[in-house]
Amino acid sequence: MLEKVSAERNAPLSMVGREVRVETGEHTLDGQSLILFTPGPIRLYIPLLGEHQAVNAATAYMALSVSGLKISEEAIRTGFAEVSWPCRFEIVQREPTLILDSAHNPDSFEKLGRTLEDYFPGRAIILIFGSSEDKDIAGMLSILQNKISIVLATRAEHPRATGPEKILKLARRLGVRAESIVPVEAALHQALELAVDRNEIIVSAGSMFVTAEVKTAWQKMKKG
């Protein structure tokens, strides 16, 4: 589709995987290094986690390179190294591990699942989950069902938020243990209590609104 539209409008089209190739290097819980071949090589470091974020970085770099803006390579490298994207596989706490993510559809849950397996292979998760009414809840949960030890179904203070009862029904249909905890702050407290005695990680996902409330509650806890 993009190739067709660009040809119709005589607009140049650059694609990751064609005009630019990206290779990921060393990665830790603090970030990852990558090399862009344009034909390159361009070495970058980003504090964002997940292979999909390397692709996003390559896309952003290509956009800058064809924009006509006068930005030095040093400034670009600095910008990538200092980028911040809250609630995108954001590890706000290491022990127990608490990850805030904004995955809210099956595609983003696929990326979340791959990133979890990459950084925390074999680890079960306590999932704080809420969703909007129009989302594919079963589709999202099914992607992580083999990793989930329990779903803490909750509801954000938002008019489109679905009730936790629907989440419970769909989770149990998949054979996933689940319980309802409202409000979101209570779900976070329960997740942290459960994680104390388990070698499991806590993940908030399913709704940007829920994860935003989890982050607010966590910040409130840290302030005491």
N, C-alpha and C. Protein backbone atom coordinates (compact mmCIF):
# COMPACT_ATOMS: atom_id res chain seq x y z
N MET A 1 0.82 -1.20 0.00
CA MET A 1 0.00 0.00 0.00
C MET A 1 0.86 1.26 0.00
N LEU A 2 1.87 1.32 0.89
CA LEU A 2 2.74 2.49 0.94
C LEU A 2 3.48 2.69 -0.38
N GLU A 3 3.96 1.58 -0.95
CA GLU A 3 4.69 1.67 -2.22
C GLU A 3 3.78 2.18 -3.33
N LYS A 4 2.53 1.72 -3.32
CA LYS A 4 1.57 2.14 -4.34
C LYS A 4 1.28 3.63 -4.23
N VAL A 5 1.01 4.10 -3.01
CA VAL A 5 0.69 5.52 -2.79
C VAL A 5 1.90 6.40 -3.13
N SER A 6 3.10 5.98 -2.70
CA SER A 6 4.29 6.79 -2.99
C SER A 6 4.54 6.88 -4.49
N ALA A 7 4.28 5.79 -5.22
CA ALA A 7 4.46 5.81 -6.67
C ALA A 7 3.43 6.72 -7.33
N GLU A 8 2.19 6.66 -6.86
CA GLU A 8 1.12 7.50 -7.42
C GLU A 8 1.41 8.98 -7.21
N ARG A 9 2.04 9.31 -6.09
CA ARG A 9 2.27 10.71 -5.75
C ARG A 9 3.71 11.14 -6.03
N ASN A 10 4.45 10.25 -6.64
CA ASN A 10 5.85 10.54 -6.97
C ASN A 10 6.63 11.01 -5.74
N ALA A 11 6.40 10.31 -4.63
CA ALA A 11 7.04 10.67 -3.37
C ALA A 11 8.10 9.62 -3.03
N PRO A 12 9.29 10.04 -2.69
CA PRO A 12 10.35 9.07 -2.32
C PRO A 12 9.92 8.23 -1.12
N LEU A 13 10.27 6.96 -1.16
CA LEU A 13 9.92 6.05 -0.07
C LEU A 13 11.17 5.32 0.39
N SER A 14 11.47 5.45 1.67
CA SER A 14 12.58 4.71 2.28
C SER A 14 12.01 3.73 3.27
N MET A 15 12.53 2.50 3.26
CA MET A 15 11.99 1.46 4.13
C MET A 15 13.09 0.78 4.94
N VAL A 16 12.79 0.55 6.23
CA VAL A 16 13.70 -0.22 7.06
C VAL A 16 13.69 -1.66 6.54
N GLY A 17 14.89 -2.19 6.35
CA GLY A 17 15.01 -3.51 5.76
C GLY A 17 15.37 -3.44 4.29
N ARG A 18 15.23 -2.25 3.70
CA ARG A 18 15.59 -2.07 2.29
C ARG A 18 16.67 -0.99 2.18
N GLU A 19 16.29 0.28 2.40
CA GLU A 19 17.30 1.35 2.36
C GLU A 19 18.17 1.37 3.60
N VAL A 20 17.64 0.89 4.69
CA VAL A 20 18.43 0.84 5.92
C VAL A 20 18.21 -0.52 6.57
N ARG A 21 19.29 -1.12 7.03
CA ARG A 21 19.23 -2.39 7.74
C ARG A 21 19.69 -2.16 9.17
N VAL A 22 19.03 -2.80 10.11
CA VAL A 22 19.35 -2.58 11.51
C VAL A 22 19.76 -3.90 12.15
N GLU A 23 20.84 -3.84 12.92
CA GLU A 23 21.30 -4.99 13.70
C GLU A 23 21.39 -4.57 15.16
N THR A 24 20.83 -5.40 16.03
CA THR A 24 20.91 -5.10 17.46
C THR A 24 22.17 -5.72 18.04
N GLY A 25 22.71 -5.06 19.04
CA GLY A 25 23.93 -5.53 19.69
C GLY A 25 23.67 -5.88 21.14
N GLU A 26 24.57 -5.46 21.98
CA GLU A 26 24.44 -5.75 23.41
C GLU A 26 23.21 -5.07 23.98
N HIS A 27 22.47 -5.78 24.83
CA HIS A 27 21.32 -5.17 25.47
C HIS A 27 21.25 -5.59 26.93
N THR A 28 20.90 -4.64 27.77
CA THR A 28 20.73 -4.85 29.20
C THR A 28 19.40 -4.24 29.60
N LEU A 29 19.10 -4.29 30.88
CA LEU A 29 17.86 -3.67 31.35
C LEU A 29 17.93 -2.15 31.31
N ASP A 30 19.10 -1.61 31.01
CA ASP A 30 19.25 -0.15 30.91
C ASP A 30 19.11 0.36 29.48
N GLY A 31 19.26 -0.52 28.48
CA GLY A 31 19.17 -0.06 27.10
C GLY A 31 19.82 -1.04 26.15
N GLN A 32 19.97 -0.61 24.90
CA GLN A 32 20.54 -1.49 23.88
C GLN A 32 21.32 -0.69 22.85
N SER A 33 22.33 -1.34 22.29
CA SER A 33 23.10 -0.74 21.21
C SER A 33 22.62 -1.33 19.89
N LEU A 34 22.76 -0.58 18.83
CA LEU A 34 22.35 -1.04 17.51
C LEU A 34 23.21 -0.39 16.44
N ILE A 35 23.26 -1.05 15.30
CA ILE A 35 24.00 -0.54 14.16
C ILE A 35 23.05 -0.41 12.99
N LEU A 36 23.04 0.78 12.38
CA LEU A 36 22.24 1.01 11.18
C LEU A 36 23.18 1.01 9.98
N PHE A 37 22.82 0.28 8.96
CA PHE A 37 23.59 0.26 7.72
C PHE A 37 22.79 1.02 6.67
N THR A 38 23.32 2.22 6.29
CA THR A 38 22.55 3.12 5.41
C THR A 38 23.26 3.59 4.14
N PRO A 39 24.26 3.00 3.49
CA PRO A 39 24.73 1.67 3.87
C PRO A 39 25.54 1.63 5.15
N GLY A 40 25.88 2.77 5.72
CA GLY A 40 26.40 2.83 7.08
C GLY A 40 27.88 2.56 7.22
N PRO A 41 28.30 2.09 8.39
CA PRO A 41 27.46 1.81 9.57
C PRO A 41 27.30 3.02 10.48
N ILE A 42 26.15 3.13 11.14
CA ILE A 42 25.88 4.16 12.14
C ILE A 42 25.61 3.44 13.46
N ARG A 43 26.40 3.75 14.46
CA ARG A 43 26.23 3.09 15.77
C ARG A 43 25.44 4.00 16.71
N LEU A 44 24.39 3.43 17.30
CA LEU A 44 23.53 4.19 18.20
C LEU A 44 23.30 3.41 19.48
N TYR A 45 22.91 4.13 20.52
CA TYR A 45 22.50 3.52 21.78
C TYR A 45 21.16 4.13 22.16
N ILE A 46 20.21 3.29 22.56
CA ILE A 46 18.92 3.80 23.01
C ILE A 46 18.56 3.15 24.35
N PRO A 47 17.95 3.91 25.25
CA PRO A 47 17.54 3.35 26.54
C PRO A 47 16.18 2.66 26.48
N LEU A 48 15.64 2.46 25.28
CA LEU A 48 14.37 1.77 25.10
C LEU A 48 14.62 0.29 24.84
N LEU A 49 13.79 -0.57 25.40
CA LEU A 49 14.03 -2.00 25.33
C LEU A 49 13.10 -2.67 24.32
N GLY A 50 13.61 -3.72 23.69
CA GLY A 50 12.82 -4.48 22.75
C GLY A 50 13.31 -4.31 21.32
N GLU A 51 13.28 -5.40 20.56
CA GLU A 51 13.74 -5.35 19.18
C GLU A 51 12.92 -4.36 18.35
N HIS A 52 11.63 -4.25 18.66
CA HIS A 52 10.78 -3.32 17.91
C HIS A 52 11.22 -1.87 18.10
N GLN A 53 11.84 -1.57 19.26
CA GLN A 53 12.32 -0.21 19.47
C GLN A 53 13.56 0.08 18.62
N ALA A 54 14.33 -0.97 18.30
CA ALA A 54 15.46 -0.78 17.38
C ALA A 54 14.93 -0.44 16.00
N VAL A 55 13.85 -1.09 15.58
CA VAL A 55 13.22 -0.77 14.29
C VAL A 55 12.66 0.64 14.31
N ASN A 56 12.03 1.02 15.41
CA ASN A 56 11.52 2.39 15.55
C ASN A 56 12.65 3.41 15.44
N ALA A 57 13.79 3.09 16.06
CA ALA A 57 14.94 4.00 16.01
C ALA A 57 15.46 4.14 14.58
N ALA A 58 15.51 3.03 13.85
CA ALA A 58 15.95 3.07 12.46
C ALA A 58 15.01 3.92 11.62
N THR A 59 13.72 3.78 11.87
CA THR A 59 12.71 4.57 11.15
C THR A 59 12.88 6.05 11.44
N ALA A 60 13.09 6.39 12.73
CA ALA A 60 13.29 7.79 13.11
C ALA A 60 14.55 8.35 12.48
N TYR A 61 15.62 7.53 12.45
CA TYR A 61 16.87 8.00 11.85
C TYR A 61 16.68 8.29 10.37
N MET A 62 15.98 7.40 9.66
CA MET A 62 15.73 7.62 8.24
C MET A 62 14.90 8.88 8.01
N ALA A 63 13.91 9.10 8.88
CA ALA A 63 13.09 10.31 8.76
C ALA A 63 13.94 11.57 8.91
N LEU A 64 14.87 11.54 9.88
CA LEU A 64 15.77 12.68 10.06
C LEU A 64 16.69 12.88 8.85
N SER A 65 17.17 11.77 8.31
CA SER A 65 18.15 11.87 7.22
C SER A 65 17.56 12.44 5.95
N VAL A 66 16.24 12.28 5.75
CA VAL A 66 15.63 12.81 4.52
C VAL A 66 14.84 14.08 4.77
N SER A 67 14.84 14.56 6.02
CA SER A 67 14.02 15.71 6.38
C SER A 67 14.57 17.03 5.87
N GLY A 68 15.86 17.06 5.62
CA GLY A 68 16.49 18.33 5.22
C GLY A 68 16.92 19.18 6.39
N LEU A 69 16.63 18.72 7.60
CA LEU A 69 17.05 19.47 8.79
C LEU A 69 18.55 19.32 8.99
N LYS A 70 19.17 20.39 9.40
CA LYS A 70 20.62 20.38 9.62
C LYS A 70 20.92 19.96 11.05
N ILE A 71 21.06 18.68 11.26
CA ILE A 71 21.35 18.13 12.58
C ILE A 71 22.60 17.27 12.47
N SER A 72 23.55 17.53 13.34
CA SER A 72 24.81 16.78 13.27
C SER A 72 24.61 15.34 13.72
N GLU A 73 25.52 14.46 13.28
CA GLU A 73 25.47 13.07 13.71
C GLU A 73 25.64 12.96 15.22
N GLU A 74 26.50 13.81 15.76
CA GLU A 74 26.72 13.79 17.22
C GLU A 74 25.44 14.14 17.97
N ALA A 75 24.70 15.14 17.45
CA ALA A 75 23.44 15.53 18.09
C ALA A 75 22.41 14.42 17.98
N ILE A 76 22.39 13.75 16.85
CA ILE A 76 21.45 12.64 16.67
C ILE A 76 21.76 11.51 17.64
N ARG A 77 23.05 11.16 17.75
CA ARG A 77 23.43 10.09 18.68
C ARG A 77 23.09 10.45 20.12
N THR A 78 23.33 11.71 20.48
CA THR A 78 23.00 12.17 21.83
C THR A 78 21.49 12.10 22.07
N GLY A 79 20.72 12.53 21.07
CA GLY A 79 19.27 12.50 21.20
C GLY A 79 18.73 11.10 21.41
N PHE A 80 19.24 10.15 20.62
CA PHE A 80 18.80 8.77 20.78
C PHE A 80 19.19 8.23 22.15
N ALA A 81 20.39 8.55 22.61
CA ALA A 81 20.87 8.03 23.89
C ALA A 81 20.09 8.60 25.08
N GLU A 82 19.46 9.75 24.90
CA GLU A 82 18.77 10.40 26.01
C GLU A 82 17.25 10.32 25.89
N VAL A 83 16.76 9.60 24.87
CA VAL A 83 15.31 9.55 24.64
C VAL A 83 14.60 8.89 25.82
N SER A 84 13.40 9.36 26.10
CA SER A 84 12.58 8.77 27.16
C SER A 84 11.17 8.57 26.62
N TRP A 85 10.62 7.38 26.83
CA TRP A 85 9.27 7.08 26.36
C TRP A 85 8.55 6.35 27.49
N PRO A 86 7.90 7.09 28.37
CA PRO A 86 7.29 6.48 29.55
C PRO A 86 6.27 5.39 29.19
N CYS A 87 6.23 4.37 30.03
CA CYS A 87 5.26 3.28 29.93
C CYS A 87 5.38 2.48 28.64
N ARG A 88 6.59 2.44 28.07
CA ARG A 88 6.90 1.54 26.96
C ARG A 88 7.96 0.58 27.46
N PHE A 89 7.53 -0.54 28.00
CA PHE A 89 8.41 -1.49 28.68
C PHE A 89 9.35 -0.73 29.63
N GLU A 90 8.75 0.11 30.43
CA GLU A 90 9.49 0.93 31.38
C GLU A 90 9.65 0.17 32.69
N ILE A 91 10.89 -0.16 33.03
CA ILE A 91 11.17 -0.88 34.27
C ILE A 91 11.39 0.16 35.37
N VAL A 92 10.37 0.35 36.19
CA VAL A 92 10.44 1.39 37.22
C VAL A 92 10.98 0.86 38.54
N GLN A 93 11.00 -0.47 38.66
CA GLN A 93 11.50 -1.08 39.89
C GLN A 93 12.11 -2.43 39.55
N ARG A 94 13.27 -2.73 40.17
CA ARG A 94 13.98 -3.97 39.87
C ARG A 94 13.62 -5.12 40.81
N GLU A 95 13.30 -4.83 42.07
CA GLU A 95 13.07 -5.90 43.05
C GLU A 95 11.90 -5.54 43.97
N PRO A 96 10.73 -6.17 43.82
CA PRO A 96 10.43 -7.03 42.68
C PRO A 96 10.30 -6.21 41.40
N THR A 97 10.50 -6.86 40.28
CA THR A 97 10.49 -6.15 39.01
C THR A 97 9.09 -5.70 38.66
N LEU A 98 8.96 -4.41 38.36
CA LEU A 98 7.69 -3.82 37.95
C LEU A 98 7.88 -3.14 36.60
N ILE A 99 7.15 -3.63 35.60
CA ILE A 99 7.27 -3.11 34.23
C ILE A 99 5.95 -2.45 33.83
N LEU A 100 6.05 -1.23 33.35
CA LEU A 100 4.88 -0.49 32.89
C LEU A 100 4.88 -0.48 31.37
N ASP A 101 3.80 -0.97 30.77
CA ASP A 101 3.73 -1.02 29.32
C ASP A 101 2.35 -0.57 28.85
N SER A 102 2.31 -0.04 27.65
CA SER A 102 1.06 0.50 27.11
C SER A 102 0.45 -0.39 26.04
N ALA A 103 0.88 -1.64 25.95
CA ALA A 103 0.32 -2.57 24.96
C ALA A 103 -1.20 -2.65 25.16
N HIS A 104 -1.96 -2.45 24.08
CA HIS A 104 -3.42 -2.44 24.21
C HIS A 104 -4.13 -3.10 23.02
N ASN A 105 -3.39 -3.92 22.28
CA ASN A 105 -3.99 -4.71 21.20
C ASN A 105 -3.10 -5.93 20.97
N PRO A 106 -3.58 -6.93 20.21
CA PRO A 106 -2.77 -8.14 20.03
C PRO A 106 -1.39 -7.89 19.43
N ASP A 107 -1.28 -6.97 18.49
CA ASP A 107 0.03 -6.70 17.88
C ASP A 107 1.04 -6.21 18.91
N SER A 108 0.64 -5.25 19.74
CA SER A 108 1.57 -4.74 20.75
C SER A 108 1.80 -5.77 21.85
N PHE A 109 0.83 -6.65 22.11
CA PHE A 109 1.06 -7.73 23.07
C PHE A 109 2.06 -8.75 22.53
N GLU A 110 2.07 -8.97 21.21
CA GLU A 110 3.08 -9.84 20.61
C GLU A 110 4.47 -9.27 20.87
N LYS A 111 4.63 -7.96 20.68
CA LYS A 111 5.92 -7.31 20.92
C LYS A 111 6.28 -7.37 22.40
N LEU A 112 5.30 -7.17 23.25
CA LEU A 112 5.53 -7.25 24.70
C LEU A 112 5.99 -8.66 25.08
N GLY A 113 5.33 -9.67 24.53
CA GLY A 113 5.71 -11.05 24.84
C GLY A 113 7.12 -11.38 24.40
N ARG A 114 7.50 -10.93 23.20
CA ARG A 114 8.87 -11.19 22.72
C ARG A 114 9.90 -10.48 23.58
N THR A 115 9.59 -9.27 23.99
CA THR A 115 10.53 -8.51 24.83
C THR A 115 10.66 -9.13 26.21
N LEU A 116 9.56 -9.60 26.77
CA LEU A 116 9.62 -10.29 28.06
C LEU A 116 10.49 -11.54 27.97
N GLU A 117 10.33 -12.31 26.90
CA GLU A 117 11.11 -13.54 26.75
C GLU A 117 12.59 -13.22 26.51
N ASP A 118 12.84 -12.09 25.87
CA ASP A 118 14.22 -11.70 25.60
C ASP A 118 14.94 -11.28 26.88
N TYR A 119 14.27 -10.48 27.70
CA TYR A 119 14.91 -9.92 28.90
C TYR A 119 14.66 -10.75 30.16
N PHE A 120 13.56 -11.48 30.19
CA PHE A 120 13.22 -12.28 31.39
C PHE A 120 12.78 -13.68 30.95
N PRO A 121 13.66 -14.42 30.31
CA PRO A 121 13.27 -15.73 29.77
C PRO A 121 12.77 -16.70 30.84
N GLY A 122 11.62 -17.29 30.56
CA GLY A 122 11.08 -18.30 31.46
C GLY A 122 10.40 -17.77 32.71
N ARG A 123 10.42 -16.46 32.93
CA ARG A 123 9.84 -15.90 34.15
C ARG A 123 8.33 -15.75 34.00
N ALA A 124 7.58 -16.17 35.01
CA ALA A 124 6.14 -15.98 35.02
C ALA A 124 5.82 -14.53 35.39
N ILE A 125 4.64 -14.07 34.99
CA ILE A 125 4.28 -12.68 35.26
C ILE A 125 2.96 -12.58 36.02
N ILE A 126 2.91 -11.57 36.86
CA ILE A 126 1.67 -11.14 37.50
C ILE A 126 1.19 -9.97 36.65
N LEU A 127 0.06 -10.14 35.98
CA LEU A 127 -0.39 -9.14 35.03
C LEU A 127 -1.49 -8.27 35.61
N ILE A 128 -1.19 -6.99 35.78
CA ILE A 128 -2.22 -6.00 36.12
C ILE A 128 -2.85 -5.59 34.80
N PHE A 129 -4.12 -5.90 34.63
CA PHE A 129 -4.73 -5.76 33.30
C PHE A 129 -6.08 -5.05 33.38
N GLY A 130 -6.23 -4.08 32.50
CA GLY A 130 -7.51 -3.43 32.28
C GLY A 130 -7.59 -3.11 30.80
N SER A 131 -8.78 -2.81 30.31
CA SER A 131 -8.91 -2.57 28.88
C SER A 131 -10.12 -1.69 28.60
N SER A 132 -10.12 -1.09 27.42
CA SER A 132 -11.29 -0.36 26.95
C SER A 132 -12.30 -1.36 26.37
N GLU A 133 -13.54 -0.96 26.30
CA GLU A 133 -14.62 -1.84 25.86
C GLU A 133 -14.41 -2.40 24.46
N ASP A 134 -13.81 -1.60 23.57
CA ASP A 134 -13.73 -1.99 22.16
C ASP A 134 -12.48 -2.81 21.82
N LYS A 135 -11.72 -3.23 22.81
CA LYS A 135 -10.46 -3.94 22.54
C LYS A 135 -10.64 -5.46 22.53
N ASP A 136 -9.69 -6.13 21.87
CA ASP A 136 -9.69 -7.59 21.79
C ASP A 136 -9.03 -8.16 23.04
N ILE A 137 -9.78 -8.25 24.10
CA ILE A 137 -9.24 -8.68 25.39
C ILE A 137 -8.74 -10.12 25.33
N ALA A 138 -9.56 -11.02 24.78
CA ALA A 138 -9.16 -12.42 24.68
C ALA A 138 -7.92 -12.58 23.83
N GLY A 139 -7.85 -11.81 22.74
CA GLY A 139 -6.67 -11.87 21.86
C GLY A 139 -5.40 -11.46 22.58
N MET A 140 -5.49 -10.42 23.41
CA MET A 140 -4.32 -9.96 24.15
C MET A 140 -3.89 -11.00 25.18
N LEU A 141 -4.85 -11.47 25.97
CA LEU A 141 -4.51 -12.42 27.04
C LEU A 141 -3.98 -13.74 26.49
N SER A 142 -4.52 -14.17 25.36
CA SER A 142 -4.09 -15.46 24.80
C SER A 142 -2.62 -15.46 24.42
N ILE A 143 -2.09 -14.30 24.05
CA ILE A 143 -0.69 -14.21 23.64
C ILE A 143 0.24 -14.47 24.82
N LEU A 144 -0.16 -14.03 26.00
CA LEU A 144 0.69 -14.19 27.19
C LEU A 144 0.21 -15.30 28.12
N GLN A 145 -0.80 -16.06 27.73
CA GLN A 145 -1.43 -16.99 28.67
C GLN A 145 -0.46 -18.01 29.26
N ASN A 146 0.57 -18.38 28.52
CA ASN A 146 1.53 -19.36 29.05
C ASN A 146 2.56 -18.73 29.99
N LYS A 147 2.58 -17.41 30.04
CA LYS A 147 3.52 -16.71 30.93
C LYS A 147 2.84 -16.21 32.21
N ILE A 148 1.51 -16.09 32.16
CA ILE A 148 0.78 -15.45 33.26
C ILE A 148 0.55 -16.42 34.42
N SER A 149 0.90 -15.99 35.62
CA SER A 149 0.56 -16.78 36.81
C SER A 149 -0.80 -16.35 37.34
N ILE A 150 -1.09 -15.05 37.21
CA ILE A 150 -2.40 -14.53 37.62
C ILE A 150 -2.65 -13.19 36.93
N VAL A 151 -3.91 -12.98 36.56
CA VAL A 151 -4.34 -11.68 36.04
C VAL A 151 -5.07 -10.95 37.17
N LEU A 152 -4.63 -9.76 37.46
CA LEU A 152 -5.34 -8.89 38.40
C LEU A 152 -6.17 -7.93 37.54
N ALA A 153 -7.43 -8.29 37.35
CA ALA A 153 -8.32 -7.51 36.49
C ALA A 153 -8.78 -6.26 37.23
N THR A 154 -8.58 -5.12 36.59
CA THR A 154 -8.94 -3.86 37.24
C THR A 154 -9.59 -2.93 36.22
N ARG A 155 -9.90 -1.73 36.66
CA ARG A 155 -10.59 -0.79 35.78
C ARG A 155 -10.08 0.62 36.04
N ALA A 156 -9.71 1.30 34.96
CA ALA A 156 -9.26 2.69 35.06
C ALA A 156 -10.45 3.63 35.24
N GLU A 157 -10.17 4.81 35.75
CA GLU A 157 -11.21 5.83 35.87
C GLU A 157 -11.39 6.50 34.50
N HIS A 158 -12.03 5.78 33.60
CA HIS A 158 -12.23 6.27 32.23
C HIS A 158 -13.57 5.75 31.72
N PRO A 159 -14.33 6.57 31.01
CA PRO A 159 -15.69 6.15 30.60
C PRO A 159 -15.73 4.96 29.66
N ARG A 160 -14.65 4.69 28.92
CA ARG A 160 -14.65 3.57 27.99
C ARG A 160 -14.06 2.29 28.61
N ALA A 161 -13.69 2.34 29.86
CA ALA A 161 -13.07 1.17 30.50
C ALA A 161 -14.09 0.05 30.69
N THR A 162 -13.67 -1.16 30.38
CA THR A 162 -14.55 -2.30 30.57
C THR A 162 -14.51 -2.76 32.02
N GLY A 163 -15.57 -3.42 32.46
CA GLY A 163 -15.61 -3.91 33.83
C GLY A 163 -14.71 -5.12 34.03
N PRO A 164 -14.14 -5.31 35.20
CA PRO A 164 -13.25 -6.44 35.45
C PRO A 164 -13.95 -7.79 35.33
N GLU A 165 -15.28 -7.83 35.48
CA GLU A 165 -16.01 -9.09 35.37
C GLU A 165 -15.84 -9.70 33.98
N LYS A 166 -15.87 -8.87 32.97
CA LYS A 166 -15.68 -9.35 31.59
C LYS A 166 -14.28 -9.91 31.41
N ILE A 167 -13.30 -9.25 31.99
CA ILE A 167 -11.91 -9.71 31.89
C ILE A 167 -11.76 -11.06 32.59
N LEU A 168 -12.37 -11.18 33.78
CA LEU A 168 -12.32 -12.45 34.51
C LEU A 168 -12.90 -13.59 33.68
N LYS A 169 -14.04 -13.36 33.07
CA LYS A 169 -14.70 -14.38 32.27
C LYS A 169 -13.82 -14.84 31.12
N LEU A 170 -13.22 -13.89 30.41
CA LEU A 170 -12.38 -14.23 29.25
C LEU A 170 -11.08 -14.90 29.69
N ALA A 171 -10.50 -14.44 30.79
CA ALA A 171 -9.26 -15.04 31.28
C ALA A 171 -9.50 -16.49 31.70
N ARG A 172 -10.56 -16.73 32.43
CA ARG A 172 -10.85 -18.08 32.90
C ARG A 172 -11.21 -19.01 31.76
N ARG A 173 -11.81 -18.46 30.71
CA ARG A 173 -12.10 -19.27 29.53
C ARG A 173 -10.80 -19.77 28.88
N LEU A 174 -9.74 -18.98 29.03
CA LEU A 174 -8.42 -19.37 28.51
C LEU A 174 -7.66 -20.27 29.48
N GLY A 175 -8.24 -20.51 30.65
CA GLY A 175 -7.55 -21.31 31.66
C GLY A 175 -6.53 -20.53 32.45
N VAL A 176 -6.69 -19.20 32.48
CA VAL A 176 -5.76 -18.33 33.20
C VAL A 176 -6.38 -17.91 34.53
N ARG A 177 -5.66 -18.08 35.60
CA ARG A 177 -6.13 -17.65 36.92
C ARG A 177 -6.31 -16.14 36.93
N ALA A 178 -7.41 -15.69 37.52
CA ALA A 178 -7.67 -14.24 37.53
C ALA A 178 -8.52 -13.86 38.72
N GLU A 179 -8.34 -12.63 39.18
CA GLU A 179 -9.19 -12.09 40.23
C GLU A 179 -9.41 -10.60 39.96
N SER A 180 -10.50 -10.10 40.47
CA SER A 180 -10.87 -8.70 40.26
C SER A 180 -10.42 -7.85 41.42
N ILE A 181 -9.71 -6.76 41.11
CA ILE A 181 -9.27 -5.82 42.14
C ILE A 181 -9.43 -4.39 41.61
N VAL A 182 -10.29 -3.64 42.25
CA VAL A 182 -10.54 -2.24 41.90
C VAL A 182 -10.47 -1.43 43.18
N PRO A 183 -9.83 -0.25 43.16
CA PRO A 183 -9.28 0.48 42.02
C PRO A 183 -7.89 -0.02 41.61
N VAL A 184 -7.32 0.67 40.63
CA VAL A 184 -6.01 0.28 40.09
C VAL A 184 -4.94 0.29 41.18
N GLU A 185 -4.98 1.26 42.06
CA GLU A 185 -3.98 1.35 43.13
C GLU A 185 -3.99 0.09 43.99
N ALA A 186 -5.18 -0.45 44.26
CA ALA A 186 -5.29 -1.68 45.05
C ALA A 186 -4.70 -2.86 44.29
N ALA A 187 -4.87 -2.88 42.98
CA ALA A 187 -4.30 -3.95 42.16
C ALA A 187 -2.78 -3.93 42.23
N LEU A 188 -2.21 -2.73 42.21
CA LEU A 188 -0.75 -2.61 42.32
C LEU A 188 -0.27 -3.13 43.67
N HIS A 189 -0.93 -2.75 44.75
CA HIS A 189 -0.53 -3.22 46.08
C HIS A 189 -0.61 -4.75 46.17
N GLN A 190 -1.67 -5.33 45.60
CA GLN A 190 -1.82 -6.77 45.63
C GLN A 190 -0.71 -7.44 44.82
N ALA A 191 -0.37 -6.88 43.65
CA ALA A 191 0.70 -7.44 42.82
C ALA A 191 2.03 -7.43 43.56
N LEU A 192 2.32 -6.34 44.24
CA LEU A 192 3.58 -6.23 44.97
C LEU A 192 3.63 -7.23 46.14
N GLU A 193 2.50 -7.44 46.79
CA GLU A 193 2.46 -8.43 47.89
C GLU A 193 2.68 -9.84 47.36
N LEU A 194 2.04 -10.17 46.24
CA LEU A 194 2.20 -11.48 45.63
C LEU A 194 3.64 -11.72 45.18
N ALA A 195 4.26 -10.68 44.64
CA ALA A 195 5.61 -10.83 44.08
C ALA A 195 6.68 -11.03 45.14
N VAL A 196 6.40 -10.66 46.38
CA VAL A 196 7.39 -10.80 47.45
C VAL A 196 7.82 -12.25 47.63
N ASP A 197 6.86 -13.17 47.55
CA ASP A 197 7.15 -14.58 47.80
C ASP A 197 7.34 -15.40 46.53
N ARG A 198 7.42 -14.74 45.38
CA ARG A 198 7.54 -15.47 44.12
C ARG A 198 8.70 -14.90 43.30
N ASN A 199 9.25 -15.73 42.45
CA ASN A 199 10.27 -15.26 41.52
C ASN A 199 9.58 -14.85 40.22
N GLU A 200 8.66 -13.90 40.35
CA GLU A 200 7.86 -13.46 39.22
C GLU A 200 7.98 -11.95 39.03
N ILE A 201 7.62 -11.51 37.85
CA ILE A 201 7.68 -10.08 37.56
C ILE A 201 6.27 -9.54 37.41
N ILE A 202 6.12 -8.27 37.70
CA ILE A 202 4.82 -7.60 37.59
C ILE A 202 4.80 -6.79 36.31
N VAL A 203 3.74 -6.96 35.53
CA VAL A 203 3.59 -6.20 34.29
C VAL A 203 2.22 -5.55 34.29
N SER A 204 2.19 -4.26 33.97
CA SER A 204 0.92 -3.56 33.78
C SER A 204 0.75 -3.34 32.29
N ALA A 205 -0.40 -3.79 31.74
CA ALA A 205 -0.64 -3.64 30.30
C ALA A 205 -2.13 -3.80 30.03
N GLY A 206 -2.52 -3.57 28.78
CA GLY A 206 -3.90 -3.71 28.36
C GLY A 206 -4.59 -2.39 28.08
N SER A 207 -4.14 -1.35 28.78
CA SER A 207 -4.75 -0.03 28.64
C SER A 207 -3.74 1.04 29.05
N MET A 208 -3.60 2.05 28.23
CA MET A 208 -2.73 3.17 28.59
C MET A 208 -3.25 3.87 29.84
N PHE A 209 -4.57 3.87 30.00
CA PHE A 209 -5.17 4.54 31.16
C PHE A 209 -4.86 3.78 32.44
N VAL A 210 -4.96 2.45 32.40
CA VAL A 210 -4.63 1.65 33.57
C VAL A 210 -3.16 1.81 33.94
N THR A 211 -2.28 1.69 32.94
CA THR A 211 -0.84 1.79 33.22
C THR A 211 -0.48 3.17 33.74
N ALA A 212 -1.13 4.21 33.24
CA ALA A 212 -0.88 5.56 33.76
C ALA A 212 -1.27 5.63 35.24
N GLU A 213 -2.37 4.99 35.61
CA GLU A 213 -2.79 5.00 37.01
C GLU A 213 -1.87 4.15 37.88
N VAL A 214 -1.35 3.05 37.31
CA VAL A 214 -0.36 2.25 38.05
C VAL A 214 0.88 3.10 38.33
N LYS A 215 1.31 3.84 37.33
CA LYS A 215 2.52 4.66 37.52
C LYS A 215 2.29 5.74 38.58
N THR A 216 1.12 6.37 38.52
CA THR A 216 0.80 7.39 39.52
C THR A 216 0.77 6.79 40.92
N ALA A 217 0.18 5.61 41.06
CA ALA A 217 0.12 4.94 42.36
C ALA A 217 1.50 4.55 42.85
N TRP A 218 2.34 4.06 41.93
CA TRP A 218 3.70 3.66 42.31
C TRP A 218 4.50 4.89 42.77
N GLN A 219 4.38 6.00 42.05
CA GLN A 219 5.09 7.23 42.43
C GLN A 219 4.62 7.72 43.80
N LYS A 220 3.33 7.58 44.05
CA LYS A 220 2.79 7.96 45.35
C LYS A 220 3.38 7.12 46.46
N MET A 221 3.53 5.81 46.21
CA MET A 221 4.14 4.90 47.19
C MET A 221 5.57 5.29 47.48
N LYS A 222 6.30 5.61 46.43
CA LYS A 222 7.73 5.93 46.58
C LYS A 222 7.93 7.22 47.40
N LYS A 223 6.98 8.14 47.28
CA LYS A 223 7.07 9.39 48.02
C LYS A 223 6.72 9.20 49.49
N GLY A 224 6.08 8.05 49.76
CA GLY A 224 5.85 7.68 51.14
C GLY A 224 4.57 8.06 51.75
